[in-house]
Amino acid sequence: MSAPFKLLIVDDEPLAHQVLLHHLAAHADMVVVGHCYSAAEAMAVLAQQPIDLILLDIQLPVLTGLQMLQLLAKPPQVILVTAYADY
């Protein structure tokens, strides 16, 4: 049996976290190891532990999700999540 796939949810909206958790409930091989509401929080988590996948909002306070990605030397896999049709 392989190790679970480690996910980090990064979104400034608590409801978005709930929706994503609902969809992830059907995937026992995926474990959410953190919930972040800003890019700064996410950067701190990424500095502490390996993450396989980030579910990343684009519009975040202070630093956008895309700006955060540019700062990572070796970003994990990323799925961009947003409520805005413009993206």
PDB file of N, CA and C in Angstrom:
ATOM      1  N   MET A   1       0.839  -1.183   0.000  1.00  0.00           N
ATOM      2  CA  MET A   1       0.000   0.000   0.000  1.00  0.00           C
ATOM      3  C   MET A   1       0.881   1.242   0.000  1.00  0.00           C
ATOM      4  N   SER A   2       0.596   2.177  -0.879  1.00  0.00           N
ATOM      5  CA  SER A   2       1.415   3.368  -0.979  1.00  0.00           C
ATOM      6  C   SER A   2       0.957   4.432   0.027  1.00  0.00           C
ATOM      7  N   ALA A   3       1.841   5.367   0.265  1.00  0.00           N
ATOM      8  CA  ALA A   3       1.536   6.464   1.198  1.00  0.00           C
ATOM      9  C   ALA A   3       0.427   7.331   0.615  1.00  0.00           C
ATOM     10  N   PRO A   4      -0.377   7.937   1.470  1.00  0.00           N
ATOM     11  CA  PRO A   4      -1.456   8.799   0.957  1.00  0.00           C
ATOM     12  C   PRO A   4      -0.895  10.032   0.249  1.00  0.00           C
ATOM     13  N   PHE A   5      -1.647  10.523  -0.692  1.00  0.00           N
ATOM     14  CA  PHE A   5      -1.325  11.712  -1.461  1.00  0.00           C
ATOM     15  C   PHE A   5      -1.622  12.914  -0.570  1.00  0.00           C
ATOM     16  N   LYS A   6      -0.629  13.747  -0.275  1.00  0.00           N
ATOM     17  CA  LYS A   6      -0.780  14.876   0.655  1.00  0.00           C
ATOM     18  C   LYS A   6      -1.211  16.138  -0.080  1.00  0.00           C
ATOM     19  N   LEU A   7      -2.343  16.698   0.366  1.00  0.00           N
ATOM     20  CA  LEU A   7      -2.891  17.895  -0.257  1.00  0.00           C
ATOM     21  C   LEU A   7      -2.868  19.072   0.705  1.00  0.00           C
ATOM     22  N   LEU A   8      -2.729  20.254   0.135  1.00  0.00           N
ATOM     23  CA  LEU A   8      -2.828  21.505   0.879  1.00  0.00           C
ATOM     24  C   LEU A   8      -3.893  22.347   0.201  1.00  0.00           C
ATOM     25  N   ILE A   9      -4.876  22.803   0.968  1.00  0.00           N
ATOM     26  CA  ILE A   9      -5.912  23.685   0.430  1.00  0.00           C
ATOM     27  C   ILE A   9      -5.526  25.113   0.780  1.00  0.00           C
ATOM     28  N   VAL A  10      -5.472  25.966  -0.251  1.00  0.00           N
ATOM     29  CA  VAL A  10      -5.131  27.377  -0.058  1.00  0.00           C
ATOM     30  C   VAL A  10      -6.225  28.219  -0.701  1.00  0.00           C
ATOM     31  N   ASP A  11      -7.070  28.793   0.135  1.00  0.00           N
ATOM     32  CA  ASP A  11      -8.192  29.618  -0.337  1.00  0.00           C
ATOM     33  C   ASP A  11      -8.608  30.525   0.810  1.00  0.00           C
ATOM     34  N   ASP A  12      -8.914  31.770   0.518  1.00  0.00           N
ATOM     35  CA  ASP A  12      -9.280  32.705   1.579  1.00  0.00           C
ATOM     36  C   ASP A  12     -10.747  32.597   1.992  1.00  0.00           C
ATOM     37  N   GLU A  13     -11.518  31.750   1.336  1.00  0.00           N
ATOM     38  CA  GLU A  13     -12.941  31.576   1.647  1.00  0.00           C
ATOM     39  C   GLU A  13     -13.171  30.251   2.376  1.00  0.00           C
ATOM     40  N   PRO A  14     -13.630  30.300   3.630  1.00  0.00           N
ATOM     41  CA  PRO A  14     -13.888  29.050   4.367  1.00  0.00           C
ATOM     42  C   PRO A  14     -14.876  28.126   3.652  1.00  0.00           C
ATOM     43  N   LEU A  15     -15.864  28.674   2.973  1.00  0.00           N
ATOM     44  CA  LEU A  15     -16.832  27.843   2.252  1.00  0.00           C
ATOM     45  C   LEU A  15     -16.143  27.040   1.144  1.00  0.00           C
ATOM     46  N   ALA A  16     -15.154  27.622   0.496  1.00  0.00           N
ATOM     47  CA  ALA A  16     -14.413  26.903  -0.551  1.00  0.00           C
ATOM     48  C   ALA A  16     -13.704  25.685   0.044  1.00  0.00           C
ATOM     49  N   HIS A  17     -13.164  25.828   1.249  1.00  0.00           N
ATOM     50  CA  HIS A  17     -12.527  24.693   1.923  1.00  0.00           C
ATOM     51  C   HIS A  17     -13.545  23.575   2.145  1.00  0.00           C
ATOM     52  N   GLN A  18     -14.744  23.942   2.585  1.00  0.00           N
ATOM     53  CA  GLN A  18     -15.790  22.947   2.835  1.00  0.00           C
ATOM     54  C   GLN A  18     -16.192  22.224   1.552  1.00  0.00           C
ATOM     55  N   VAL A  19     -16.345  22.975   0.464  1.00  0.00           N
ATOM     56  CA  VAL A  19     -16.724  22.372  -0.820  1.00  0.00           C
ATOM     57  C   VAL A  19     -15.633  21.414  -1.299  1.00  0.00           C
ATOM     58  N   LEU A  20     -14.391  21.840  -1.219  1.00  0.00           N
ATOM     59  CA  LEU A  20     -13.291  20.981  -1.655  1.00  0.00           C
ATOM     60  C   LEU A  20     -13.204  19.718  -0.796  1.00  0.00           C
ATOM     61  N   LEU A  21     -13.376  19.866   0.509  1.00  0.00           N
ATOM     62  CA  LEU A  21     -13.364  18.692   1.394  1.00  0.00           C
ATOM     63  C   LEU A  21     -14.490  17.722   1.049  1.00  0.00           C
ATOM     64  N   HIS A  22     -15.635  18.260   0.706  1.00  0.00           N
ATOM     65  CA  HIS A  22     -16.766  17.409   0.309  1.00  0.00           C
ATOM     66  C   HIS A  22     -16.397  16.562  -0.913  1.00  0.00           C
ATOM     67  N   HIS A  23     -15.783  17.194  -1.893  1.00  0.00           N
ATOM     68  CA  HIS A  23     -15.404  16.465  -3.114  1.00  0.00           C
ATOM     69  C   HIS A  23     -14.266  15.480  -2.861  1.00  0.00           C
ATOM     70  N   LEU A  24     -13.391  15.808  -1.937  1.00  0.00           N
ATOM     71  CA  LEU A  24     -12.254  14.923  -1.644  1.00  0.00           C
ATOM     72  C   LEU A  24     -12.638  13.728  -0.781  1.00  0.00           C
ATOM     73  N   ALA A  25     -13.779  13.785  -0.142  1.00  0.00           N
ATOM     74  CA  ALA A  25     -14.205  12.705   0.761  1.00  0.00           C
ATOM     75  C   ALA A  25     -14.279  11.353   0.063  1.00  0.00           C
ATOM     76  N   ALA A  26     -14.505  11.350  -1.222  1.00  0.00           N
ATOM     77  CA  ALA A  26     -14.613  10.098  -1.984  1.00  0.00           C
ATOM     78  C   ALA A  26     -13.246   9.511  -2.341  1.00  0.00           C
ATOM     79  N   HIS A  27     -12.170  10.185  -1.959  1.00  0.00           N
ATOM     80  CA  HIS A  27     -10.827   9.749  -2.338  1.00  0.00           C
ATOM     81  C   HIS A  27     -10.010   9.427  -1.086  1.00  0.00           C
ATOM     82  N   ALA A  28     -10.097   8.187  -0.643  1.00  0.00           N
ATOM     83  CA  ALA A  28      -9.415   7.766   0.579  1.00  0.00           C
ATOM     84  C   ALA A  28      -7.899   7.838   0.468  1.00  0.00           C
ATOM     85  N   ASP A  29      -7.378   7.842  -0.745  1.00  0.00           N
ATOM     86  CA  ASP A  29      -5.928   7.890  -0.944  1.00  0.00           C
ATOM     87  C   ASP A  29      -5.375   9.307  -0.864  1.00  0.00           C
ATOM     88  N   MET A  30      -6.233  10.289  -0.616  1.00  0.00           N
ATOM     89  CA  MET A  30      -5.811  11.684  -0.505  1.00  0.00           C
ATOM     90  C   MET A  30      -6.076  12.195   0.897  1.00  0.00           C
ATOM     91  N   VAL A  31      -5.070  12.858   1.473  1.00  0.00           N
ATOM     92  CA  VAL A  31      -5.178  13.380   2.823  1.00  0.00           C
ATOM     93  C   VAL A  31      -4.888  14.876   2.802  1.00  0.00           C
ATOM     94  N   VAL A  32      -5.810  15.664   3.320  1.00  0.00           N
ATOM     95  CA  VAL A  32      -5.588  17.104   3.435  1.00  0.00           C
ATOM     96  C   VAL A  32      -4.748  17.323   4.688  1.00  0.00           C
ATOM     97  N   VAL A  33      -3.540  17.809   4.496  1.00  0.00           N
ATOM     98  CA  VAL A  33      -2.618  18.000   5.620  1.00  0.00           C
ATOM     99  C   VAL A  33      -2.605  19.438   6.114  1.00  0.00           C
ATOM    100  N   GLY A  34      -3.306  20.332   5.401  1.00  0.00           N
ATOM    101  CA  GLY A  34      -3.340  21.713   5.853  1.00  0.00           C
ATOM    102  C   GLY A  34      -4.392  22.530   5.157  1.00  0.00           C
ATOM    103  N   HIS A  35      -4.848  23.531   5.893  1.00  0.00           N
ATOM    104  CA  HIS A  35      -5.807  24.511   5.378  1.00  0.00           C
ATOM    105  C   HIS A  35      -5.170  25.879   5.559  1.00  0.00           C
ATOM    106  N   CYS A  36      -4.968  26.590   4.466  1.00  0.00           N
ATOM    107  CA  CYS A  36      -4.377  27.919   4.535  1.00  0.00           C
ATOM    108  C   CYS A  36      -5.331  28.924   3.909  1.00  0.00           C
ATOM    109  N   TYR A  37      -5.334  30.122   4.480  1.00  0.00           N
ATOM    110  CA  TYR A  37      -6.226  31.171   4.013  1.00  0.00           C
ATOM    111  C   TYR A  37      -5.469  32.341   3.386  1.00  0.00           C
ATOM    112  N   SER A  38      -4.156  32.186   3.247  1.00  0.00           N
ATOM    113  CA  SER A  38      -3.321  33.195   2.585  1.00  0.00           C
ATOM    114  C   SER A  38      -2.080  32.512   2.014  1.00  0.00           C
ATOM    115  N   ALA A  39      -1.421  33.203   1.111  1.00  0.00           N
ATOM    116  CA  ALA A  39      -0.186  32.674   0.528  1.00  0.00           C
ATOM    117  C   ALA A  39       0.902  32.557   1.592  1.00  0.00           C
ATOM    118  N   ALA A  40       0.937  33.501   2.526  1.00  0.00           N
ATOM    119  CA  ALA A  40       1.954  33.462   3.586  1.00  0.00           C
ATOM    120  C   ALA A  40       1.801  32.206   4.435  1.00  0.00           C
ATOM    121  N   GLU A  41       0.566  31.867   4.793  1.00  0.00           N
ATOM    122  CA  GLU A  41       0.328  30.632   5.553  1.00  0.00           C
ATOM    123  C   GLU A  41       0.787  29.420   4.747  1.00  0.00           C
ATOM    124  N   ALA A  42       0.466  29.403   3.469  1.00  0.00           N
ATOM    125  CA  ALA A  42       0.833  28.274   2.610  1.00  0.00           C
ATOM    126  C   ALA A  42       2.351  28.131   2.503  1.00  0.00           C
ATOM    127  N   MET A  43       3.047  29.244   2.363  1.00  0.00           N
ATOM    128  CA  MET A  43       4.510  29.194   2.258  1.00  0.00           C
ATOM    129  C   MET A  43       5.114  28.604   3.535  1.00  0.00           C
ATOM    130  N   ALA A  44       4.533  28.931   4.683  1.00  0.00           N
ATOM    131  CA  ALA A  44       5.031  28.389   5.946  1.00  0.00           C
ATOM    132  C   ALA A  44       4.830  26.875   6.004  1.00  0.00           C
ATOM    133  N   VAL A  45       3.671  26.397   5.568  1.00  0.00           N
ATOM    134  CA  VAL A  45       3.408  24.956   5.562  1.00  0.00           C
ATOM    135  C   VAL A  45       4.355  24.254   4.589  1.00  0.00           C
ATOM    136  N   LEU A  46       4.517  24.822   3.410  1.00  0.00           N
ATOM    137  CA  LEU A  46       5.392  24.209   2.399  1.00  0.00           C
ATOM    138  C   LEU A  46       6.844  24.142   2.861  1.00  0.00           C
ATOM    139  N   ALA A  47       7.258  25.068   3.715  1.00  0.00           N
ATOM    140  CA  ALA A  47       8.624  25.054   4.242  1.00  0.00           C
ATOM    141  C   ALA A  47       8.809  23.967   5.297  1.00  0.00           C
ATOM    142  N   GLN A  48       7.707  23.490   5.881  1.00  0.00           N
ATOM    143  CA  GLN A  48       7.769  22.526   6.976  1.00  0.00           C
ATOM    144  C   GLN A  48       7.602  21.073   6.555  1.00  0.00           C
ATOM    145  N   GLN A  49       6.888  20.840   5.444  1.00  0.00           N
ATOM    146  CA  GLN A  49       6.597  19.454   5.069  1.00  0.00           C
ATOM    147  C   GLN A  49       6.390  19.320   3.563  1.00  0.00           C
ATOM    148  N   PRO A  50       6.665  18.137   3.036  1.00  0.00           N
ATOM    149  CA  PRO A  50       6.421  17.919   1.602  1.00  0.00           C
ATOM    150  C   PRO A  50       4.917  17.816   1.324  1.00  0.00           C
ATOM    151  N   ILE A  51       4.507  18.425   0.236  1.00  0.00           N
ATOM    152  CA  ILE A  51       3.121  18.418  -0.217  1.00  0.00           C
ATOM    153  C   ILE A  51       3.112  17.892  -1.648  1.00  0.00           C
ATOM    154  N   ASP A  52       2.177  17.001  -1.958  1.00  0.00           N
ATOM    155  CA  ASP A  52       2.074  16.452  -3.308  1.00  0.00           C
ATOM    156  C   ASP A  52       1.247  17.328  -4.239  1.00  0.00           C
ATOM    157  N   LEU A  53       0.222  17.984  -3.686  1.00  0.00           N
ATOM    158  CA  LEU A  53      -0.709  18.755  -4.510  1.00  0.00           C
ATOM    159  C   LEU A  53      -1.267  19.925  -3.718  1.00  0.00           C
ATOM    160  N   ILE A  54      -1.303  21.096  -4.362  1.00  0.00           N
ATOM    161  CA  ILE A  54      -1.945  22.268  -3.766  1.00  0.00           C
ATOM    162  C   ILE A  54      -3.216  22.552  -4.552  1.00  0.00           C
ATOM    163  N   LEU A  55      -4.329  22.690  -3.846  1.00  0.00           N
ATOM    164  CA  LEU A  55      -5.561  23.217  -4.429  1.00  0.00           C
ATOM    165  C   LEU A  55      -5.520  24.702  -4.118  1.00  0.00           C
ATOM    166  N   LEU A  56      -5.223  25.526  -5.123  1.00  0.00           N
ATOM    167  CA  LEU A  56      -4.815  26.912  -4.915  1.00  0.00           C
ATOM    168  C   LEU A  56      -5.769  27.912  -5.551  1.00  0.00           C
ATOM    169  N   ASP A  57      -6.280  28.801  -4.728  1.00  0.00           N
ATOM    170  CA  ASP A  57      -7.094  29.913  -5.210  1.00  0.00           C
ATOM    171  C   ASP A  57      -6.170  30.937  -5.862  1.00  0.00           C
ATOM    172  N   ILE A  58      -6.666  31.632  -6.843  1.00  0.00           N
ATOM    173  CA  ILE A  58      -5.872  32.662  -7.515  1.00  0.00           C
ATOM    174  C   ILE A  58      -5.939  33.970  -6.735  1.00  0.00           C
ATOM    175  N   GLN A  59      -7.141  34.384  -6.362  1.00  0.00           N
ATOM    176  CA  GLN A  59      -7.335  35.642  -5.646  1.00  0.00           C
ATOM    177  C   GLN A  59      -7.175  35.407  -4.150  1.00  0.00           C
ATOM    178  N   LEU A  60      -6.043  35.829  -3.604  1.00  0.00           N
ATOM    179  CA  LEU A  60      -5.767  35.724  -2.177  1.00  0.00           C
ATOM    180  C   LEU A  60      -5.368  37.109  -1.667  1.00  0.00           C
ATOM    181  N   PRO A  61      -5.517  37.359  -0.370  1.00  0.00           N
ATOM    182  CA  PRO A  61      -5.103  38.661   0.154  1.00  0.00           C
ATOM    183  C   PRO A  61      -3.584  38.835   0.085  1.00  0.00           C
ATOM    184  N   VAL A  62      -3.143  40.019  -0.196  1.00  0.00           N
ATOM    185  CA  VAL A  62      -1.741  40.458  -0.250  1.00  0.00           C
ATOM    186  C   VAL A  62      -0.994  39.869  -1.440  1.00  0.00           C
ATOM    187  N   LEU A  63      -0.824  38.572  -1.487  1.00  0.00           N
ATOM    188  CA  LEU A  63      -0.078  37.890  -2.540  1.00  0.00           C
ATOM    189  C   LEU A  63      -1.018  36.919  -3.239  1.00  0.00           C
ATOM    190  N   THR A  64      -1.127  36.989  -4.566  1.00  0.00           N
ATOM    191  CA  THR A  64      -2.027  36.085  -5.285  1.00  0.00           C
ATOM    192  C   THR A  64      -1.429  34.671  -5.320  1.00  0.00           C
ATOM    193  N   GLY A  65      -2.276  33.717  -5.647  1.00  0.00           N
ATOM    194  CA  GLY A  65      -1.797  32.352  -5.786  1.00  0.00           C
ATOM    195  C   GLY A  65      -0.736  32.221  -6.864  1.00  0.00           C
ATOM    196  N   LEU A  66      -0.909  32.939  -7.963  1.00  0.00           N
ATOM    197  CA  LEU A  66       0.074  32.875  -9.048  1.00  0.00           C
ATOM    198  C   LEU A  66       1.403  33.506  -8.629  1.00  0.00           C
ATOM    199  N   GLN A  67       1.353  34.593  -7.876  1.00  0.00           N
ATOM    200  CA  GLN A  67       2.584  35.208  -7.367  1.00  0.00           C
ATOM    201  C   GLN A  67       3.291  34.262  -6.404  1.00  0.00           C
ATOM    202  N   MET A  68       2.518  33.582  -5.565  1.00  0.00           N
ATOM    203  CA  MET A  68       3.099  32.621  -4.637  1.00  0.00           C
ATOM    204  C   MET A  68       3.839  31.518  -5.396  1.00  0.00           C
ATOM    205  N   LEU A  69       3.222  31.005  -6.453  1.00  0.00           N
ATOM    206  CA  LEU A  69       3.860  29.943  -7.239  1.00  0.00           C
ATOM    207  C   LEU A  69       5.194  30.385  -7.814  1.00  0.00           C
ATOM    208  N   GLN A  70       5.274  31.646  -8.218  1.00  0.00           N
ATOM    209  CA  GLN A  70       6.524  32.159  -8.779  1.00  0.00           C
ATOM    210  C   GLN A  70       7.653  32.187  -7.748  1.00  0.00           C
ATOM    211  N   LEU A  71       7.310  32.226  -6.476  1.00  0.00           N
ATOM    212  CA  LEU A  71       8.311  32.278  -5.413  1.00  0.00           C
ATOM    213  C   LEU A  71       8.834  30.899  -5.020  1.00  0.00           C
ATOM    214  N   LEU A  72       8.156  29.848  -5.443  1.00  0.00           N
ATOM    215  CA  LEU A  72       8.552  28.494  -5.056  1.00  0.00           C
ATOM    216  C   LEU A  72       9.602  27.946  -6.012  1.00  0.00           C
ATOM    217  N   ALA A  73      10.725  27.505  -5.466  1.00  0.00           N
ATOM    218  CA  ALA A  73      11.790  26.928  -6.291  1.00  0.00           C
ATOM    219  C   ALA A  73      11.340  25.624  -6.943  1.00  0.00           C
ATOM    220  N   LYS A  74      10.671  24.781  -6.165  1.00  0.00           N
ATOM    221  CA  LYS A  74      10.169  23.501  -6.668  1.00  0.00           C
ATOM    222  C   LYS A  74       8.725  23.327  -6.226  1.00  0.00           C
ATOM    223  N   PRO A  75       7.807  23.952  -6.944  1.00  0.00           N
ATOM    224  CA  PRO A  75       6.404  23.823  -6.521  1.00  0.00           C
ATOM    225  C   PRO A  75       5.880  22.409  -6.746  1.00  0.00           C
ATOM    226  N   PRO A  76       4.987  21.975  -5.857  1.00  0.00           N
ATOM    227  CA  PRO A  76       4.337  20.677  -6.096  1.00  0.00           C
ATOM    228  C   PRO A  76       3.331  20.829  -7.231  1.00  0.00           C
ATOM    229  N   GLN A  77       2.634  19.760  -7.537  1.00  0.00           N
ATOM    230  CA  GLN A  77       1.567  19.849  -8.529  1.00  0.00           C
ATOM    231  C   GLN A  77       0.510  20.808  -7.990  1.00  0.00           C
ATOM    232  N   VAL A  78      -0.159  21.518  -8.892  1.00  0.00           N
ATOM    233  CA  VAL A  78      -1.119  22.537  -8.487  1.00  0.00           C
ATOM    234  C   VAL A  78      -2.379  22.429  -9.340  1.00  0.00           C
ATOM    235  N   ILE A  79      -3.516  22.534  -8.671  1.00  0.00           N
ATOM    236  CA  ILE A  79      -4.792  22.722  -9.359  1.00  0.00           C
ATOM    237  C   ILE A  79      -5.307  24.079  -8.917  1.00  0.00           C
ATOM    238  N   LEU A  80      -5.499  24.969  -9.880  1.00  0.00           N
ATOM    239  CA  LEU A  80      -6.026  26.297  -9.564  1.00  0.00           C
ATOM    240  C   LEU A  80      -7.531  26.206  -9.375  1.00  0.00           C
ATOM    241  N   VAL A  81      -8.007  26.765  -8.279  1.00  0.00           N
ATOM    242  CA  VAL A  81      -9.437  26.800  -7.993  1.00  0.00           C
ATOM    243  C   VAL A  81      -9.840  28.260  -7.818  1.00  0.00           C
ATOM    244  N   THR A  82     -10.944  28.635  -8.428  1.00  0.00           N
ATOM    245  CA  THR A  82     -11.405  30.015  -8.341  1.00  0.00           C
ATOM    246  C   THR A  82     -12.884  30.099  -8.558  1.00  0.00           C
ATOM    247  N   ALA A  83     -13.482  31.112  -7.983  1.00  0.00           N
ATOM    248  CA  ALA A  83     -14.913  31.353  -8.167  1.00  0.00           C
ATOM    249  C   ALA A  83     -15.171  32.340  -9.304  1.00  0.00           C
ATOM    250  N   TYR A  84     -14.096  32.864  -9.890  1.00  0.00           N
ATOM    251  CA  TYR A  84     -14.224  33.893 -10.910  1.00  0.00           C
ATOM    252  C   TYR A  84     -14.149  33.313 -12.316  1.00  0.00           C
ATOM    253  N   ALA A  85     -15.151  33.595 -13.106  1.00  0.00           N
ATOM    254  CA  ALA A  85     -15.214  33.087 -14.492  1.00  0.00           C
ATOM    255  C   ALA A  85     -14.097  33.680 -15.358  1.00  0.00           C
ATOM    256  N   ASP A  86     -13.519  34.801 -14.958  1.00  0.00           N
ATOM    257  CA  ASP A  86     -12.451  35.433 -15.726  1.00  0.00           C
ATOM    258  C   ASP A  86     -11.225  34.529 -15.858  1.00  0.00           C
ATOM    259  N   TYR A  87     -11.062  33.592 -14.938  1.00  0.00           N
ATOM    260  CA  TYR A  87      -9.909  32.707 -14.950  1.00  0.00           C
ATOM    261  C   TYR A  87     -10.289  31.369 -15.539  1.00  0.00           C
TER     262      TYR A  87
END
